[in-house]
């Protein structure tokens, strides 16, 4: 269950793309049914949702909501410092 605002925003994108009512924050995007076309759509939607460019490598490296949200939050904190 998503706890942080970042996790919730990512989960909303995944749920819509994967047509699932809920997604666990430790579940892998590809194991939930994601494929290359959905991956590209996820990339575009996350960039729109977070209003910033997101390197594709980040989405490949962080394949769960939990890991991706932690990376986004850490990256955002680094930019503000």
C-alpha atoms as a PDB file:
ATOM      1  CA  UNK A   1       0.000   0.000   0.000  1.00  0.00           C
ATOM      2  CA  UNK A   2       1.527   3.351  -1.001  1.00  0.00           C
ATOM      3  CA  UNK A   3       2.358   5.555   1.976  1.00  0.00           C
ATOM      4  CA  UNK A   4       4.164   8.629   0.688  1.00  0.00           C
ATOM      5  CA  UNK A   5       2.881  11.168  -1.814  1.00  0.00           C
ATOM      6  CA  UNK A   6       5.526  10.031  -4.297  1.00  0.00           C
ATOM      7  CA  UNK A   7       4.527   6.368  -3.938  1.00  0.00           C
ATOM      8  CA  UNK A   8       0.858   7.284  -4.369  1.00  0.00           C
ATOM      9  CA  UNK A   9       1.523   9.267  -7.547  1.00  0.00           C
ATOM     10  CA  UNK A  10       3.578   6.441  -9.090  1.00  0.00           C
ATOM     11  CA  UNK A  11       0.964   3.872  -8.034  1.00  0.00           C
ATOM     12  CA  UNK A  12      -1.807   5.851  -9.747  1.00  0.00           C
ATOM     13  CA  UNK A  13       0.129   5.812 -13.017  1.00  0.00           C
ATOM     14  CA  UNK A  14       0.866   2.091 -12.759  1.00  0.00           C
ATOM     15  CA  UNK A  15      -2.720   1.201 -11.834  1.00  0.00           C
ATOM     16  CA  UNK A  16      -4.101   3.090 -14.813  1.00  0.00           C
ATOM     17  CA  UNK A  17      -1.610   1.632 -17.285  1.00  0.00           C
ATOM     18  CA  UNK A  18      -1.831  -1.920 -15.979  1.00  0.00           C
ATOM     19  CA  UNK A  19      -5.604  -1.689 -15.466  1.00  0.00           C
ATOM     20  CA  UNK A  20      -5.320  -2.884 -11.866  1.00  0.00           C
ATOM     21  CA  UNK A  21      -7.296  -1.700  -8.855  1.00  0.00           C
ATOM     22  CA  UNK A  22      -4.264  -1.855  -6.592  1.00  0.00           C
ATOM     23  CA  UNK A  23      -0.538  -2.409  -6.917  1.00  0.00           C
ATOM     24  CA  UNK A  24       1.880  -3.254  -4.144  1.00  0.00           C
ATOM     25  CA  UNK A  25       4.821  -0.953  -3.644  1.00  0.00           C
ATOM     26  CA  UNK A  26       7.241  -3.906  -3.763  1.00  0.00           C
ATOM     27  CA  UNK A  27       5.828  -5.487  -6.923  1.00  0.00           C
ATOM     28  CA  UNK A  28       7.807  -5.358 -10.154  1.00  0.00           C
ATOM     29  CA  UNK A  29       6.234  -3.419 -13.048  1.00  0.00           C
ATOM     30  CA  UNK A  30       7.054  -6.138 -15.569  1.00  0.00           C
ATOM     31  CA  UNK A  31       5.874  -8.987 -13.329  1.00  0.00           C
ATOM     32  CA  UNK A  32       2.522  -7.187 -13.008  1.00  0.00           C
ATOM     33  CA  UNK A  33       2.053  -7.366 -16.771  1.00  0.00           C
ATOM     34  CA  UNK A  34       4.041  -4.354 -17.933  1.00  0.00           C
ATOM     35  CA  UNK A  35       5.700  -4.602 -21.340  1.00  0.00           C
ATOM     36  CA  UNK A  36       7.782  -2.329 -23.544  1.00  0.00           C
ATOM     37  CA  UNK A  37       4.888  -0.228 -24.872  1.00  0.00           C
ATOM     38  CA  UNK A  38       3.466   0.301 -21.380  1.00  0.00           C
ATOM     39  CA  UNK A  39       6.980   1.083 -20.161  1.00  0.00           C
ATOM     40  CA  UNK A  40       7.263   3.961 -22.644  1.00  0.00           C
ATOM     41  CA  UNK A  41       3.785   5.188 -21.682  1.00  0.00           C
ATOM     42  CA  UNK A  42       4.730   4.972 -18.002  1.00  0.00           C
ATOM     43  CA  UNK A  43       7.837   7.041 -18.699  1.00  0.00           C
ATOM     44  CA  UNK A  44       5.810   9.769 -20.400  1.00  0.00           C
ATOM     45  CA  UNK A  45       3.116   9.806 -17.722  1.00  0.00           C
ATOM     46  CA  UNK A  46       5.602   9.929 -14.855  1.00  0.00           C
ATOM     47  CA  UNK A  47       7.451  12.821 -16.481  1.00  0.00           C
ATOM     48  CA  UNK A  48       4.129  14.634 -16.788  1.00  0.00           C
ATOM     49  CA  UNK A  49       3.032  13.749 -13.228  1.00  0.00           C
ATOM     50  CA  UNK A  50       6.329  14.875 -11.667  1.00  0.00           C
ATOM     51  CA  UNK A  51       6.868  17.751 -14.110  1.00  0.00           C
ATOM     52  CA  UNK A  52      10.491  16.836 -14.816  1.00  0.00           C
ATOM     53  CA  UNK A  53      12.630  14.769 -17.119  1.00  0.00           C
ATOM     54  CA  UNK A  54      13.227  11.231 -15.925  1.00  0.00           C
ATOM     55  CA  UNK A  55      16.063   9.230 -17.481  1.00  0.00           C
ATOM     56  CA  UNK A  56      14.847   5.876 -18.824  1.00  0.00           C
ATOM     57  CA  UNK A  57      17.741   4.257 -16.976  1.00  0.00           C
ATOM     58  CA  UNK A  58      16.083   5.182 -13.676  1.00  0.00           C
ATOM     59  CA  UNK A  59      12.929   3.290 -14.599  1.00  0.00           C
ATOM     60  CA  UNK A  60      15.008   0.276 -15.634  1.00  0.00           C
ATOM     61  CA  UNK A  61      17.073   0.348 -12.439  1.00  0.00           C
ATOM     62  CA  UNK A  62      14.149   0.956 -10.053  1.00  0.00           C
ATOM     63  CA  UNK A  63      11.372  -1.447 -11.065  1.00  0.00           C
ATOM     64  CA  UNK A  64       9.194  -1.207  -7.953  1.00  0.00           C
ATOM     65  CA  UNK A  65       7.145   1.712  -6.687  1.00  0.00           C
ATOM     66  CA  UNK A  66       9.082   1.649  -3.413  1.00  0.00           C
ATOM     67  CA  UNK A  67      12.532   1.820  -5.004  1.00  0.00           C
ATOM     68  CA  UNK A  68      11.522   4.356  -7.648  1.00  0.00           C
ATOM     69  CA  UNK A  69       9.834   6.634  -5.097  1.00  0.00           C
ATOM     70  CA  UNK A  70      12.861   6.467  -2.798  1.00  0.00           C
ATOM     71  CA  UNK A  71      15.093   7.406  -5.736  1.00  0.00           C
ATOM     72  CA  UNK A  72      12.808  10.287  -6.763  1.00  0.00           C
ATOM     73  CA  UNK A  73      12.659  11.584  -3.189  1.00  0.00           C
ATOM     74  CA  UNK A  74      16.431  11.332  -2.759  1.00  0.00           C
ATOM     75  CA  UNK A  75      17.024  12.965  -6.133  1.00  0.00           C
ATOM     76  CA  UNK A  76      14.612  15.786  -5.255  1.00  0.00           C
ATOM     77  CA  UNK A  77      16.310  16.338  -1.917  1.00  0.00           C
ATOM     78  CA  UNK A  78      19.658  16.521  -3.664  1.00  0.00           C
ATOM     79  CA  UNK A  79      18.381  19.188  -6.052  1.00  0.00           C
ATOM     80  CA  UNK A  80      17.064  21.360  -3.214  1.00  0.00           C
ATOM     81  CA  UNK A  81      20.251  21.215  -1.160  1.00  0.00           C
END
